Amino acid sequence: MEMFDSVMVFMLAGLAAATVMSYRSGNEKRDVGFLAALTTLWGAGTAAALLA
């Protein structure tokens, strides 16, 4: 795994943790949904980078 891949994986983990914390703290659904969508897109990019 290269440095770029490692950064993408750790960023994905951070986004996922932020999404869970945002949901549990009772933030607005719109904001949590936006963060979840961003996490999903980042996850798709990370998967594509790791598989390429």
PDB file of N, CA and C in Angstrom:
ATOM      1  N   MET A   1       0.852  -1.178   0.000  1.00  0.00           N
ATOM      2  CA  MET A   1       0.000   0.000   0.000  1.00  0.00           C
ATOM      3  C   MET A   1       0.896   1.238   0.000  1.00  0.00           C
ATOM      4  N   GLU A   2       0.588   2.138  -0.883  1.00  0.00           N
ATOM      5  CA  GLU A   2       1.380   3.349  -0.986  1.00  0.00           C
ATOM      6  C   GLU A   2       0.880   4.414  -0.021  1.00  0.00           C
ATOM      7  N   MET A   3       1.621   5.485   0.070  1.00  0.00           N
ATOM      8  CA  MET A   3       1.271   6.578   0.973  1.00  0.00           C
ATOM      9  C   MET A   3      -0.093   7.170   0.623  1.00  0.00           C
ATOM     10  N   PHE A   4      -0.350   7.357  -0.667  1.00  0.00           N
ATOM     11  CA  PHE A   4      -1.622   7.923  -1.116  1.00  0.00           C
ATOM     12  C   PHE A   4      -2.797   7.050  -0.677  1.00  0.00           C
ATOM     13  N   ASP A   5      -2.649   5.739  -0.816  1.00  0.00           N
ATOM     14  CA  ASP A   5      -3.704   4.816  -0.407  1.00  0.00           C
ATOM     15  C   ASP A   5      -3.929   4.869   1.100  1.00  0.00           C
ATOM     16  N   SER A   6      -2.852   4.955   1.851  1.00  0.00           N
ATOM     17  CA  SER A   6      -2.961   5.022   3.307  1.00  0.00           C
ATOM     18  C   SER A   6      -3.707   6.281   3.749  1.00  0.00           C
ATOM     19  N   VAL A   7      -3.401   7.393   3.112  1.00  0.00           N
ATOM     20  CA  VAL A   7      -4.073   8.656   3.453  1.00  0.00           C
ATOM     21  C   VAL A   7      -5.560   8.549   3.135  1.00  0.00           C
ATOM     22  N   MET A   8      -5.884   7.951   2.005  1.00  0.00           N
ATOM     23  CA  MET A   8      -7.300   7.808   1.633  1.00  0.00           C
ATOM     24  C   MET A   8      -8.051   6.908   2.615  1.00  0.00           C
ATOM     25  N   VAL A   9      -7.422   5.829   3.060  1.00  0.00           N
ATOM     26  CA  VAL A   9      -8.071   4.921   4.005  1.00  0.00           C
ATOM     27  C   VAL A   9      -8.292   5.612   5.353  1.00  0.00           C
ATOM     28  N   PHE A  10      -7.293   6.336   5.843  1.00  0.00           N
ATOM     29  CA  PHE A  10      -7.452   7.023   7.126  1.00  0.00           C
ATOM     30  C   PHE A  10      -8.462   8.160   7.037  1.00  0.00           C
ATOM     31  N   MET A  11      -8.525   8.838   5.905  1.00  0.00           N
ATOM     32  CA  MET A  11      -9.533   9.880   5.704  1.00  0.00           C
ATOM     33  C   MET A  11     -10.929   9.265   5.690  1.00  0.00           C
ATOM     34  N   LEU A  12     -11.068   8.100   5.057  1.00  0.00           N
ATOM     35  CA  LEU A  12     -12.352   7.402   5.049  1.00  0.00           C
ATOM     36  C   LEU A  12     -12.773   7.023   6.468  1.00  0.00           C
ATOM     37  N   ALA A  13     -11.837   6.530   7.253  1.00  0.00           N
ATOM     38  CA  ALA A  13     -12.149   6.162   8.641  1.00  0.00           C
ATOM     39  C   ALA A  13     -12.575   7.397   9.440  1.00  0.00           C
ATOM     40  N   GLY A  14     -11.908   8.513   9.227  1.00  0.00           N
ATOM     41  CA  GLY A  14     -12.275   9.745   9.918  1.00  0.00           C
ATOM     42  C   GLY A  14     -13.651  10.249   9.515  1.00  0.00           C
ATOM     43  N   LEU A  15     -13.948  10.186   8.220  1.00  0.00           N
ATOM     44  CA  LEU A  15     -15.275  10.606   7.758  1.00  0.00           C
ATOM     45  C   LEU A  15     -16.371   9.700   8.306  1.00  0.00           C
ATOM     46  N   ALA A  16     -16.103   8.402   8.341  1.00  0.00           N
ATOM     47  CA  ALA A  16     -17.091   7.470   8.884  1.00  0.00           C
ATOM     48  C   ALA A  16     -17.329   7.733  10.372  1.00  0.00           C
ATOM     49  N   ALA A  17     -16.264   7.985  11.108  1.00  0.00           N
ATOM     50  CA  ALA A  17     -16.409   8.281  12.540  1.00  0.00           C
ATOM     51  C   ALA A  17     -17.162   9.595  12.753  1.00  0.00           C
ATOM     52  N   ALA A  18     -16.861  10.599  11.935  1.00  0.00           N
ATOM     53  CA  ALA A  18     -17.558  11.881  12.053  1.00  0.00           C
ATOM     54  C   ALA A  18     -19.039  11.735  11.731  1.00  0.00           C
ATOM     55  N   THR A  19     -19.364  10.881  10.767  1.00  0.00           N
ATOM     56  CA  THR A  19     -20.764  10.653  10.415  1.00  0.00           C
ATOM     57  C   THR A  19     -21.510  10.003  11.575  1.00  0.00           C
ATOM     58  N   VAL A  20     -20.910   9.002  12.173  1.00  0.00           N
ATOM     59  CA  VAL A  20     -21.551   8.319  13.308  1.00  0.00           C
ATOM     60  C   VAL A  20     -21.715   9.270  14.487  1.00  0.00           C
ATOM     61  N   MET A  21     -20.685  10.043  14.799  1.00  0.00           N
ATOM     62  CA  MET A  21     -20.781  10.988  15.919  1.00  0.00           C
ATOM     63  C   MET A  21     -21.831  12.067  15.647  1.00  0.00           C
ATOM     64  N   SER A  22     -21.905  12.510  14.410  1.00  0.00           N
ATOM     65  CA  SER A  22     -22.889  13.525  14.040  1.00  0.00           C
ATOM     66  C   SER A  22     -24.307  12.977  14.179  1.00  0.00           C
ATOM     67  N   TYR A  23     -24.503  11.751  13.774  1.00  0.00           N
ATOM     68  CA  TYR A  23     -25.826  11.127  13.883  1.00  0.00           C
ATOM     69  C   TYR A  23     -26.223  10.952  15.344  1.00  0.00           C
ATOM     70  N   ARG A  24     -25.293  10.472  16.140  1.00  0.00           N
ATOM     71  CA  ARG A  24     -25.604  10.201  17.556  1.00  0.00           C
ATOM     72  C   ARG A  24     -25.776  11.464  18.381  1.00  0.00           C
ATOM     73  N   SER A  25     -25.155  12.566  17.959  1.00  0.00           N
ATOM     74  CA  SER A  25     -25.283  13.798  18.733  1.00  0.00           C
ATOM     75  C   SER A  25     -26.550  14.563  18.388  1.00  0.00           C
ATOM     76  N   GLY A  26     -27.297  14.074  17.389  1.00  0.00           N
ATOM     77  CA  GLY A  26     -28.597  14.668  17.098  1.00  0.00           C
ATOM     78  C   GLY A  26     -28.546  15.862  16.156  1.00  0.00           C
ATOM     79  N   ASN A  27     -27.559  15.916  15.295  1.00  0.00           N
ATOM     80  CA  ASN A  27     -27.509  16.999  14.314  1.00  0.00           C
ATOM     81  C   ASN A  27     -28.658  16.871  13.326  1.00  0.00           C
ATOM     82  N   GLU A  28     -28.881  17.928  12.555  1.00  0.00           N
ATOM     83  CA  GLU A  28     -29.971  17.914  11.585  1.00  0.00           C
ATOM     84  C   GLU A  28     -29.777  16.793  10.578  1.00  0.00           C
ATOM     85  N   LYS A  29     -30.896  16.194  10.167  1.00  0.00           N
ATOM     86  CA  LYS A  29     -30.831  15.076   9.218  1.00  0.00           C
ATOM     87  C   LYS A  29     -30.168  15.482   7.905  1.00  0.00           C
ATOM     88  N   ARG A  30     -30.416  16.712   7.487  1.00  0.00           N
ATOM     89  CA  ARG A  30     -29.837  17.188   6.231  1.00  0.00           C
ATOM     90  C   ARG A  30     -28.319  17.197   6.314  1.00  0.00           C
ATOM     91  N   ASP A  31     -27.778  17.656   7.428  1.00  0.00           N
ATOM     92  CA  ASP A  31     -26.327  17.710   7.604  1.00  0.00           C
ATOM     93  C   ASP A  31     -25.717  16.312   7.703  1.00  0.00           C
ATOM     94  N   VAL A  32     -26.389  15.433   8.438  1.00  0.00           N
ATOM     95  CA  VAL A  32     -25.905  14.060   8.572  1.00  0.00           C
ATOM     96  C   VAL A  32     -25.961  13.354   7.221  1.00  0.00           C
ATOM     97  N   GLY A  33     -27.015  13.601   6.466  1.00  0.00           N
ATOM     98  CA  GLY A  33     -27.143  13.005   5.141  1.00  0.00           C
ATOM     99  C   GLY A  33     -26.056  13.478   4.195  1.00  0.00           C
ATOM    100  N   PHE A  34     -25.731  14.772   4.266  1.00  0.00           N
ATOM    101  CA  PHE A  34     -24.653  15.306   3.442  1.00  0.00           C
ATOM    102  C   PHE A  34     -23.323  14.658   3.797  1.00  0.00           C
ATOM    103  N   LEU A  35     -23.060  14.527   5.084  1.00  0.00           N
ATOM    104  CA  LEU A  35     -21.816  13.902   5.532  1.00  0.00           C
ATOM    105  C   LEU A  35     -21.771  12.425   5.135  1.00  0.00           C
ATOM    106  N   ALA A  36     -22.905  11.744   5.220  1.00  0.00           N
ATOM    107  CA  ALA A  36     -22.965  10.338   4.811  1.00  0.00           C
ATOM    108  C   ALA A  36     -22.730  10.201   3.303  1.00  0.00           C
ATOM    109  N   ALA A  37     -23.288  11.119   2.523  1.00  0.00           N
ATOM    110  CA  ALA A  37     -23.073  11.079   1.072  1.00  0.00           C
ATOM    111  C   ALA A  37     -21.607  11.334   0.736  1.00  0.00           C
ATOM    112  N   LEU A  38     -20.997  12.281   1.413  1.00  0.00           N
ATOM    113  CA  LEU A  38     -19.580  12.564   1.202  1.00  0.00           C
ATOM    114  C   LEU A  38     -18.725  11.354   1.571  1.00  0.00           C
ATOM    115  N   THR A  39     -19.062  10.702   2.671  1.00  0.00           N
ATOM    116  CA  THR A  39     -18.335   9.504   3.092  1.00  0.00           C
ATOM    117  C   THR A  39     -18.484   8.387   2.068  1.00  0.00           C
ATOM    118  N   THR A  40     -19.684   8.236   1.521  1.00  0.00           N
ATOM    119  CA  THR A  40     -19.921   7.203   0.513  1.00  0.00           C
ATOM    120  C   THR A  40     -19.101   7.460  -0.742  1.00  0.00           C
ATOM    121  N   LEU A  41     -19.093   8.703  -1.195  1.00  0.00           N
ATOM    122  CA  LEU A  41     -18.303   9.041  -2.385  1.00  0.00           C
ATOM    123  C   LEU A  41     -16.813   8.838  -2.142  1.00  0.00           C
ATOM    124  N   TRP A  42     -16.355   9.233  -0.968  1.00  0.00           N
ATOM    125  CA  TRP A  42     -14.936   9.048  -0.636  1.00  0.00           C
ATOM    126  C   TRP A  42     -14.605   7.559  -0.564  1.00  0.00           C
ATOM    127  N   GLY A  43     -15.521   6.767  -0.015  1.00  0.00           N
ATOM    128  CA  GLY A  43     -15.315   5.324   0.055  1.00  0.00           C
ATOM    129  C   GLY A  43     -15.239   4.690  -1.319  1.00  0.00           C
ATOM    130  N   ALA A  44     -16.067   5.165  -2.240  1.00  0.00           N
ATOM    131  CA  ALA A  44     -16.020   4.644  -3.597  1.00  0.00           C
ATOM    132  C   ALA A  44     -14.693   5.004  -4.263  1.00  0.00           C
ATOM    133  N   GLY A  45     -14.231   6.210  -4.035  1.00  0.00           N
ATOM    134  CA  GLY A  45     -12.934   6.625  -4.584  1.00  0.00           C
ATOM    135  C   GLY A  45     -11.780   5.833  -3.982  1.00  0.00           C
ATOM    136  N   THR A  46     -11.866   5.576  -2.699  1.00  0.00           N
ATOM    137  CA  THR A  46     -10.833   4.802  -2.037  1.00  0.00           C
ATOM    138  C   THR A  46     -10.797   3.371  -2.556  1.00  0.00           C
ATOM    139  N   ALA A  47     -11.974   2.789  -2.711  1.00  0.00           N
ATOM    140  CA  ALA A  47     -12.038   1.422  -3.254  1.00  0.00           C
ATOM    141  C   ALA A  47     -11.465   1.362  -4.672  1.00  0.00           C
ATOM    142  N   ALA A  48     -11.798   2.359  -5.469  1.00  0.00           N
ATOM    143  CA  ALA A  48     -11.265   2.382  -6.841  1.00  0.00           C
ATOM    144  C   ALA A  48      -9.748   2.547  -6.838  1.00  0.00           C
ATOM    145  N   ALA A  49      -9.238   3.352  -5.938  1.00  0.00           N
ATOM    146  CA  ALA A  49      -7.774   3.563  -5.880  1.00  0.00           C
ATOM    147  C   ALA A  49      -7.061   2.301  -5.392  1.00  0.00           C
ATOM    148  N   LEU A  50      -7.679   1.600  -4.456  1.00  0.00           N
ATOM    149  CA  LEU A  50      -7.035   0.388  -3.922  1.00  0.00           C
ATOM    150  C   LEU A  50      -7.078  -0.772  -4.921  1.00  0.00           C
ATOM    151  N   LEU A  51      -8.123  -0.810  -5.734  1.00  0.00           N
ATOM    152  CA  LEU A  51      -8.262  -1.902  -6.687  1.00  0.00           C
ATOM    153  C   LEU A  51      -7.512  -1.648  -7.999  1.00  0.00           C
ATOM    154  N   ALA A  52      -7.158  -0.409  -8.232  1.00  0.00           N
ATOM    155  CA  ALA A  52      -6.480  -0.079  -9.509  1.00  0.00           C
ATOM    156  C   ALA A  52      -4.999  -0.371  -9.465  1.00  0.00           C
TER     157      ALA A  52
END
